Amino acid sequence: MVKLDRGEFWIEDGAAVSSYILLTAEQYGIGACWVQIRNRKGRRKSSDEEIRELLNVPNGYAVLNLIALGGKGETKAAYQESDFDFKKVHHERF
């Protein structure tokens, strides 16, 4: 969550921090999942309003996302270079 009067780049800052949390969870073998909140609808209100109410977040704050942490349900093999579609790479032009 972010205090909205702290700056105009709260979405970018929050996304960067969330990415680092996800990477750190992976580093330690913890399962993690980004749960989008911003601009989503909840059951009765916006997701932001419902989460702020559930977690008792004061007015003046917004919730960009949640990150669920826990045990991994599966382990996937890493991609190999042969899996990469080089036709999707554009060199100096679209």
N, C-alpha and C. Protein backbone atom coordinates (compact mmCIF):
# COMPACT_ATOMS: atom_id res chain seq x y z
N MET A 1 0.84 -1.16 0.00
CA MET A 1 0.00 0.00 0.00
C MET A 1 0.89 1.23 0.00
N VAL A 2 0.34 2.32 -0.42
CA VAL A 2 1.11 3.55 -0.53
C VAL A 2 0.27 4.72 -0.03
N LYS A 3 0.95 5.64 0.60
CA LYS A 3 0.30 6.88 1.01
C LYS A 3 0.27 7.78 -0.22
N LEU A 4 -0.92 8.15 -0.64
CA LEU A 4 -1.10 8.81 -1.92
C LEU A 4 -0.47 10.19 -2.02
N ASP A 5 -0.21 10.85 -0.91
CA ASP A 5 0.38 12.19 -0.99
C ASP A 5 1.92 12.15 -1.04
N ARG A 6 2.50 10.98 -1.22
CA ARG A 6 3.96 10.82 -1.24
C ARG A 6 4.59 11.01 -2.62
N GLY A 7 3.80 11.10 -3.66
CA GLY A 7 4.38 11.31 -4.98
C GLY A 7 3.52 10.75 -6.08
N GLU A 8 3.83 11.17 -7.28
CA GLU A 8 3.02 10.78 -8.42
C GLU A 8 3.40 9.43 -9.02
N PHE A 9 4.54 8.89 -8.65
CA PHE A 9 5.02 7.65 -9.26
C PHE A 9 4.78 6.42 -8.38
N TRP A 10 3.73 6.43 -7.58
CA TRP A 10 3.49 5.35 -6.65
C TRP A 10 3.22 4.02 -7.37
N ILE A 11 2.62 4.05 -8.55
CA ILE A 11 2.34 2.81 -9.27
C ILE A 11 3.65 2.17 -9.73
N GLU A 12 4.52 2.99 -10.33
CA GLU A 12 5.81 2.47 -10.79
C GLU A 12 6.66 1.99 -9.62
N ASP A 13 6.69 2.76 -8.55
CA ASP A 13 7.47 2.37 -7.37
C ASP A 13 6.95 1.08 -6.77
N GLY A 14 5.64 0.98 -6.65
CA GLY A 14 5.04 -0.22 -6.09
C GLY A 14 5.29 -1.45 -6.95
N ALA A 15 5.24 -1.28 -8.27
CA ALA A 15 5.50 -2.40 -9.18
C ALA A 15 6.95 -2.86 -9.06
N ALA A 16 7.88 -1.91 -8.95
CA ALA A 16 9.29 -2.27 -8.80
C ALA A 16 9.53 -3.03 -7.50
N VAL A 17 8.97 -2.54 -6.41
CA VAL A 17 9.14 -3.21 -5.11
C VAL A 17 8.51 -4.60 -5.15
N SER A 18 7.33 -4.70 -5.74
CA SER A 18 6.67 -6.00 -5.83
C SER A 18 7.50 -6.99 -6.63
N SER A 19 8.11 -6.53 -7.70
CA SER A 19 8.96 -7.40 -8.51
C SER A 19 10.13 -7.92 -7.69
N TYR A 20 10.74 -7.06 -6.89
CA TYR A 20 11.85 -7.50 -6.05
C TYR A 20 11.40 -8.51 -4.99
N ILE A 21 10.21 -8.32 -4.46
CA ILE A 21 9.67 -9.29 -3.49
C ILE A 21 9.49 -10.65 -4.17
N LEU A 22 8.94 -10.65 -5.38
CA LEU A 22 8.75 -11.90 -6.12
C LEU A 22 10.08 -12.58 -6.42
N LEU A 23 11.07 -11.80 -6.84
CA LEU A 23 12.39 -12.37 -7.13
C LEU A 23 13.05 -12.92 -5.87
N THR A 24 12.91 -12.23 -4.76
CA THR A 24 13.49 -12.68 -3.50
C THR A 24 12.81 -13.96 -3.02
N ALA A 25 11.49 -14.03 -3.17
CA ALA A 25 10.78 -15.25 -2.78
C ALA A 25 11.31 -16.43 -3.59
N GLU A 26 11.50 -16.24 -4.88
CA GLU A 26 12.03 -17.31 -5.73
C GLU A 26 13.44 -17.72 -5.28
N GLN A 27 14.24 -16.73 -4.93
CA GLN A 27 15.61 -17.01 -4.48
C GLN A 27 15.62 -17.93 -3.26
N TYR A 28 14.64 -17.78 -2.40
CA TYR A 28 14.57 -18.59 -1.18
C TYR A 28 13.65 -19.80 -1.31
N GLY A 29 13.20 -20.08 -2.53
CA GLY A 29 12.37 -21.26 -2.75
C GLY A 29 10.95 -21.13 -2.24
N ILE A 30 10.47 -19.91 -2.10
CA ILE A 30 9.11 -19.65 -1.61
C ILE A 30 8.21 -19.37 -2.81
N GLY A 31 7.06 -20.00 -2.84
CA GLY A 31 6.10 -19.72 -3.90
C GLY A 31 5.51 -18.34 -3.71
N ALA A 32 5.31 -17.61 -4.80
CA ALA A 32 4.77 -16.26 -4.72
C ALA A 32 3.91 -15.97 -5.94
N CYS A 33 2.89 -15.16 -5.73
CA CYS A 33 1.98 -14.81 -6.82
C CYS A 33 1.51 -13.37 -6.65
N TRP A 34 1.63 -12.58 -7.71
CA TRP A 34 1.12 -11.20 -7.73
C TRP A 34 -0.40 -11.27 -7.86
N VAL A 35 -1.12 -10.59 -6.98
CA VAL A 35 -2.58 -10.50 -7.05
C VAL A 35 -2.93 -9.05 -7.35
N GLN A 36 -3.42 -8.80 -8.55
CA GLN A 36 -3.74 -7.43 -8.98
C GLN A 36 -4.92 -6.90 -8.20
N ILE A 37 -4.81 -5.68 -7.68
CA ILE A 37 -5.89 -5.03 -6.93
C ILE A 37 -6.34 -3.76 -7.64
N ARG A 38 -5.38 -2.94 -8.06
CA ARG A 38 -5.70 -1.65 -8.66
C ARG A 38 -6.56 -1.83 -9.90
N ASN A 39 -7.61 -1.03 -9.98
CA ASN A 39 -8.54 -1.01 -11.12
C ASN A 39 -9.27 -2.34 -11.33
N ARG A 40 -9.49 -3.08 -10.26
CA ARG A 40 -10.25 -4.33 -10.33
C ARG A 40 -11.51 -4.19 -9.49
N LYS A 41 -12.52 -4.97 -9.82
CA LYS A 41 -13.77 -4.94 -9.08
C LYS A 41 -13.81 -6.09 -8.09
N GLY A 42 -14.27 -5.79 -6.89
CA GLY A 42 -14.49 -6.82 -5.88
C GLY A 42 -15.91 -7.33 -5.99
N ARG A 43 -16.35 -8.00 -4.96
CA ARG A 43 -17.73 -8.52 -4.98
C ARG A 43 -18.76 -7.43 -4.76
N ARG A 44 -18.43 -6.47 -3.88
CA ARG A 44 -19.38 -5.41 -3.55
C ARG A 44 -18.89 -4.03 -3.95
N LYS A 45 -17.59 -3.82 -3.87
CA LYS A 45 -16.98 -2.52 -4.14
C LYS A 45 -15.75 -2.76 -5.01
N SER A 46 -14.91 -1.74 -5.16
CA SER A 46 -13.66 -1.96 -5.86
C SER A 46 -12.77 -2.87 -5.02
N SER A 47 -11.85 -3.57 -5.66
CA SER A 47 -10.93 -4.43 -4.92
C SER A 47 -10.13 -3.63 -3.91
N ASP A 48 -9.71 -2.42 -4.30
CA ASP A 48 -8.97 -1.55 -3.39
C ASP A 48 -9.79 -1.27 -2.13
N GLU A 49 -11.05 -0.91 -2.30
CA GLU A 49 -11.89 -0.61 -1.13
C GLU A 49 -12.09 -1.84 -0.26
N GLU A 50 -12.33 -2.99 -0.88
CA GLU A 50 -12.55 -4.20 -0.09
C GLU A 50 -11.30 -4.62 0.68
N ILE A 51 -10.13 -4.54 0.05
CA ILE A 51 -8.88 -4.91 0.73
C ILE A 51 -8.57 -3.91 1.83
N ARG A 52 -8.74 -2.61 1.54
CA ARG A 52 -8.48 -1.60 2.57
C ARG A 52 -9.39 -1.81 3.78
N GLU A 53 -10.64 -2.18 3.53
CA GLU A 53 -11.58 -2.46 4.62
C GLU A 53 -11.17 -3.72 5.40
N LEU A 54 -10.82 -4.78 4.67
CA LEU A 54 -10.43 -6.04 5.30
C LEU A 54 -9.18 -5.88 6.16
N LEU A 55 -8.20 -5.11 5.68
CA LEU A 55 -6.93 -4.95 6.39
C LEU A 55 -6.88 -3.69 7.25
N ASN A 56 -8.00 -2.97 7.32
CA ASN A 56 -8.09 -1.76 8.14
C ASN A 56 -7.05 -0.70 7.72
N VAL A 57 -6.91 -0.52 6.42
CA VAL A 57 -5.98 0.48 5.87
C VAL A 57 -6.66 1.84 5.94
N PRO A 58 -5.98 2.84 6.50
CA PRO A 58 -6.62 4.15 6.65
C PRO A 58 -6.84 4.87 5.32
N ASN A 59 -7.73 5.85 5.33
CA ASN A 59 -7.97 6.69 4.16
C ASN A 59 -6.67 7.39 3.77
N GLY A 60 -6.54 7.70 2.50
CA GLY A 60 -5.33 8.36 2.03
C GLY A 60 -4.28 7.38 1.53
N TYR A 61 -4.58 6.09 1.63
CA TYR A 61 -3.68 5.04 1.14
C TYR A 61 -4.39 4.27 0.03
N ALA A 62 -3.61 3.71 -0.88
CA ALA A 62 -4.17 2.86 -1.94
C ALA A 62 -3.39 1.55 -1.97
N VAL A 63 -4.05 0.52 -2.48
CA VAL A 63 -3.43 -0.80 -2.59
C VAL A 63 -3.23 -1.09 -4.08
N LEU A 64 -2.00 -1.27 -4.49
CA LEU A 64 -1.69 -1.60 -5.88
C LEU A 64 -1.91 -3.08 -6.14
N ASN A 65 -1.35 -3.91 -5.27
CA ASN A 65 -1.44 -5.36 -5.42
C ASN A 65 -1.17 -6.03 -4.08
N LEU A 66 -1.44 -7.30 -4.04
CA LEU A 66 -1.05 -8.15 -2.91
C LEU A 66 -0.08 -9.18 -3.47
N ILE A 67 0.77 -9.71 -2.63
CA ILE A 67 1.63 -10.81 -3.03
C ILE A 67 1.38 -11.96 -2.07
N ALA A 68 0.86 -13.05 -2.64
CA ALA A 68 0.61 -14.25 -1.85
C ALA A 68 1.90 -15.05 -1.78
N LEU A 69 2.27 -15.48 -0.58
CA LEU A 69 3.49 -16.27 -0.36
C LEU A 69 3.11 -17.62 0.23
N GLY A 70 3.83 -18.66 -0.14
CA GLY A 70 3.56 -19.98 0.42
C GLY A 70 4.41 -21.04 -0.22
N GLY A 71 4.04 -22.27 0.04
CA GLY A 71 4.75 -23.39 -0.56
C GLY A 71 4.43 -23.50 -2.04
N LYS A 72 5.39 -23.95 -2.82
CA LYS A 72 5.18 -24.10 -4.25
C LYS A 72 4.36 -25.36 -4.52
N GLY A 73 3.39 -25.24 -5.38
CA GLY A 73 2.56 -26.38 -5.75
C GLY A 73 3.20 -27.25 -6.82
N GLU A 74 4.19 -26.69 -7.53
CA GLU A 74 4.87 -27.44 -8.57
C GLU A 74 6.23 -26.81 -8.83
N THR A 75 7.10 -27.58 -9.41
CA THR A 75 8.42 -27.08 -9.81
C THR A 75 8.54 -27.30 -11.31
N LYS A 76 8.81 -26.23 -12.03
CA LYS A 76 8.91 -26.33 -13.48
C LYS A 76 10.37 -26.27 -13.90
N ALA A 77 10.67 -26.98 -14.97
CA ALA A 77 12.02 -26.96 -15.52
C ALA A 77 12.29 -25.60 -16.15
N ALA A 78 13.53 -25.18 -16.09
CA ALA A 78 13.91 -23.90 -16.70
C ALA A 78 13.81 -24.00 -18.22
N TYR A 79 13.54 -22.88 -18.85
CA TYR A 79 13.53 -22.84 -20.31
C TYR A 79 14.95 -23.00 -20.83
N GLN A 80 15.07 -23.60 -21.99
CA GLN A 80 16.35 -23.74 -22.67
C GLN A 80 16.39 -22.75 -23.82
N GLU A 81 17.57 -22.43 -24.29
CA GLU A 81 17.70 -21.49 -25.40
C GLU A 81 16.94 -21.98 -26.63
N SER A 82 16.86 -23.28 -26.82
CA SER A 82 16.13 -23.84 -27.97
C SER A 82 14.62 -23.60 -27.88
N ASP A 83 14.11 -23.26 -26.69
CA ASP A 83 12.69 -22.96 -26.51
C ASP A 83 12.34 -21.55 -26.98
N PHE A 84 13.33 -20.72 -27.16
CA PHE A 84 13.14 -19.31 -27.47
C PHE A 84 12.82 -19.12 -28.95
N ASP A 85 11.79 -18.33 -29.26
CA ASP A 85 11.39 -18.05 -30.63
C ASP A 85 12.10 -16.78 -31.11
N PHE A 86 13.19 -16.94 -31.80
CA PHE A 86 14.00 -15.81 -32.24
C PHE A 86 13.28 -14.97 -33.30
N LYS A 87 12.19 -15.46 -33.89
CA LYS A 87 11.42 -14.66 -34.84
C LYS A 87 10.73 -13.48 -34.16
N LYS A 88 10.60 -13.54 -32.84
CA LYS A 88 9.95 -12.46 -32.08
C LYS A 88 10.92 -11.38 -31.64
N VAL A 89 12.18 -11.52 -32.03
CA VAL A 89 13.20 -10.52 -31.70
C VAL A 89 13.34 -9.57 -32.87
N HIS A 90 13.23 -8.29 -32.59
CA HIS A 90 13.33 -7.27 -33.64
C HIS A 90 14.62 -6.49 -33.44
N HIS A 91 15.39 -6.32 -34.47
CA HIS A 91 16.66 -5.62 -34.39
C HIS A 91 16.51 -4.21 -34.96
N GLU A 92 16.55 -3.22 -34.10
CA GLU A 92 16.55 -1.80 -34.43
C GLU A 92 15.34 -1.32 -35.22
N ARG A 93 14.33 -2.12 -35.32
CA ARG A 93 13.07 -1.68 -35.92
C ARG A 93 11.97 -2.66 -35.54
N PHE A 94 10.76 -2.19 -35.64
CA PHE A 94 9.62 -3.02 -35.25
C PHE A 94 9.27 -3.90 -36.37
